[in-house]
Amino acid sequence: MLEEGISWHGAGSGWEACHEALIKRLGATPATLDTAVLPHAATIARLAAAAFTRGEAVSAAEALSVYLRNNVTHQRTSAV
């Protein structure tokens, strides 16, 4: 859950696919939303560095990837 009273922004294609589930999980609605924005490795690295500076690092054994659309490559399409 996100802290109350903090303005935050949603980005990425996952919002189109999982909008309601994300709002339910986060407990809040973003102030703005841009589904066309995609992550860049350099941006992720800056976020990670900031988290590390705040003391939020975890060991490699504790690190978990979070995939909002984990099974997207395994979806079956119906035959035409």
C-alpha atoms as a PDB file:
ATOM      1  CA  MET A   1       0.000   0.000   0.000  1.00  0.00           C
ATOM      2  CA  LEU A   2       1.107   3.524  -0.735  1.00  0.00           C
ATOM      3  CA  GLU A   3       1.302   6.216   1.919  1.00  0.00           C
ATOM      4  CA  GLU A   4      -1.777   8.417   2.111  1.00  0.00           C
ATOM      5  CA  GLY A   5      -1.527  12.005   0.948  1.00  0.00           C
ATOM      6  CA  ILE A   6       1.384  11.428  -1.424  1.00  0.00           C
ATOM      7  CA  SER A   7       0.903  12.364  -5.071  1.00  0.00           C
ATOM      8  CA  TRP A   8       2.290   9.654  -7.356  1.00  0.00           C
ATOM      9  CA  HIS A   9       2.191   8.858 -11.046  1.00  0.00           C
ATOM     10  CA  GLY A  10       1.510   5.628 -12.925  1.00  0.00           C
ATOM     11  CA  ALA A  11       3.465   4.678 -16.031  1.00  0.00           C
ATOM     12  CA  GLY A  12       3.752   1.722 -18.379  1.00  0.00           C
ATOM     13  CA  SER A  13       1.607  -0.625 -20.407  1.00  0.00           C
ATOM     14  CA  GLY A  14       0.754  -2.705 -17.341  1.00  0.00           C
ATOM     15  CA  TRP A  15      -1.784  -0.051 -16.392  1.00  0.00           C
ATOM     16  CA  GLU A  16      -3.844  -0.827 -19.492  1.00  0.00           C
ATOM     17  CA  ALA A  17      -3.847  -4.551 -18.792  1.00  0.00           C
ATOM     18  CA  CYS A  18      -4.197  -4.491 -14.994  1.00  0.00           C
ATOM     19  CA  HIS A  19      -5.632  -1.088 -14.044  1.00  0.00           C
ATOM     20  CA  GLU A  20      -8.197  -2.241 -11.469  1.00  0.00           C
ATOM     21  CA  ALA A  21      -5.887  -4.853  -9.915  1.00  0.00           C
ATOM     22  CA  LEU A  22      -3.107  -2.281  -9.501  1.00  0.00           C
ATOM     23  CA  ILE A  23      -5.389   0.257  -7.844  1.00  0.00           C
ATOM     24  CA  LYS A  24      -6.727  -2.439  -5.515  1.00  0.00           C
ATOM     25  CA  ARG A  25      -3.222  -3.605  -4.592  1.00  0.00           C
ATOM     26  CA  LEU A  26      -1.796  -0.097  -4.154  1.00  0.00           C
ATOM     27  CA  GLY A  27      -4.863   1.236  -2.367  1.00  0.00           C
ATOM     28  CA  ALA A  28      -4.792   4.489  -4.327  1.00  0.00           C
ATOM     29  CA  THR A  29      -5.256   6.019  -7.749  1.00  0.00           C
ATOM     30  CA  PRO A  30      -2.358   7.778  -9.505  1.00  0.00           C
ATOM     31  CA  ALA A  31      -2.530  11.563  -9.945  1.00  0.00           C
ATOM     32  CA  THR A  32      -1.556  11.049 -13.584  1.00  0.00           C
ATOM     33  CA  LEU A  33      -1.228   8.013 -15.798  1.00  0.00           C
ATOM     34  CA  ASP A  34       0.810   7.476 -18.988  1.00  0.00           C
ATOM     35  CA  THR A  35       0.489   3.995 -20.453  1.00  0.00           C
ATOM     36  CA  ALA A  36       2.836   4.785 -23.353  1.00  0.00           C
ATOM     37  CA  VAL A  37       5.897   5.332 -21.143  1.00  0.00           C
ATOM     38  CA  LEU A  38       8.294   2.388 -20.987  1.00  0.00           C
ATOM     39  CA  PRO A  39      11.128   1.841 -18.491  1.00  0.00           C
ATOM     40  CA  HIS A  40      14.762   2.410 -19.432  1.00  0.00           C
ATOM     41  CA  ALA A  41      17.653   0.608 -17.740  1.00  0.00           C
ATOM     42  CA  ALA A  42      19.352   3.900 -16.806  1.00  0.00           C
ATOM     43  CA  THR A  43      16.207   5.095 -15.028  1.00  0.00           C
ATOM     44  CA  ILE A  44      15.868   1.825 -13.121  1.00  0.00           C
ATOM     45  CA  ALA A  45      19.537   2.097 -12.102  1.00  0.00           C
ATOM     46  CA  ARG A  46      18.964   5.626 -10.728  1.00  0.00           C
ATOM     47  CA  LEU A  47      15.959   4.416  -8.730  1.00  0.00           C
ATOM     48  CA  ALA A  48      18.005   1.509  -7.375  1.00  0.00           C
ATOM     49  CA  ALA A  49      20.881   3.812  -6.398  1.00  0.00           C
ATOM     50  CA  ALA A  50      18.490   6.105  -4.525  1.00  0.00           C
ATOM     51  CA  ALA A  51      16.952   3.129  -2.685  1.00  0.00           C
ATOM     52  CA  PHE A  52      20.438   1.875  -1.804  1.00  0.00           C
ATOM     53  CA  THR A  53      21.368   5.298  -0.409  1.00  0.00           C
ATOM     54  CA  ARG A  54      18.230   5.207   1.768  1.00  0.00           C
ATOM     55  CA  GLY A  55      19.375   1.851   3.192  1.00  0.00           C
ATOM     56  CA  GLU A  56      16.738  -0.185   1.371  1.00  0.00           C
ATOM     57  CA  ALA A  57      19.150  -2.724  -0.125  1.00  0.00           C
ATOM     58  CA  VAL A  58      18.565  -6.461   0.334  1.00  0.00           C
ATOM     59  CA  SER A  59      20.848  -9.437  -0.178  1.00  0.00           C
ATOM     60  CA  ALA A  60      20.798 -11.266  -3.509  1.00  0.00           C
ATOM     61  CA  ALA A  61      19.023 -14.167  -1.798  1.00  0.00           C
ATOM     62  CA  GLU A  62      16.203 -11.817  -0.727  1.00  0.00           C
ATOM     63  CA  ALA A  63      15.863  -9.976  -4.031  1.00  0.00           C
ATOM     64  CA  LEU A  64      12.714 -10.850  -5.953  1.00  0.00           C
ATOM     65  CA  SER A  65      11.622  -9.716  -9.369  1.00  0.00           C
ATOM     66  CA  VAL A  66       8.097  -8.367  -9.594  1.00  0.00           C
ATOM     67  CA  TYR A  67       6.346  -8.947 -12.882  1.00  0.00           C
ATOM     68  CA  LEU A  68       2.982  -7.259 -13.259  1.00  0.00           C
ATOM     69  CA  ARG A  69       2.266  -9.257 -16.393  1.00  0.00           C
ATOM     70  CA  ASN A  70       4.178 -12.439 -15.586  1.00  0.00           C
ATOM     71  CA  ASN A  71       2.308 -14.717 -17.995  1.00  0.00           C
ATOM     72  CA  VAL A  72       1.964 -12.362 -20.945  1.00  0.00           C
ATOM     73  CA  THR A  73       4.203 -14.494 -23.179  1.00  0.00           C
ATOM     74  CA  HIS A  74       2.255 -17.633 -22.365  1.00  0.00           C
ATOM     75  CA  GLN A  75      -1.186 -16.402 -23.399  1.00  0.00           C
ATOM     76  CA  ARG A  76      -2.818 -18.534 -26.041  1.00  0.00           C
ATOM     77  CA  THR A  77      -4.553 -16.969 -28.976  1.00  0.00           C
ATOM     78  CA  SER A  78      -7.704 -18.453 -30.404  1.00  0.00           C
ATOM     79  CA  ALA A  79      -7.548 -20.054 -33.832  1.00  0.00           C
ATOM     80  CA  VAL A  80      -8.989 -18.039 -36.688  1.00  0.00           C
END
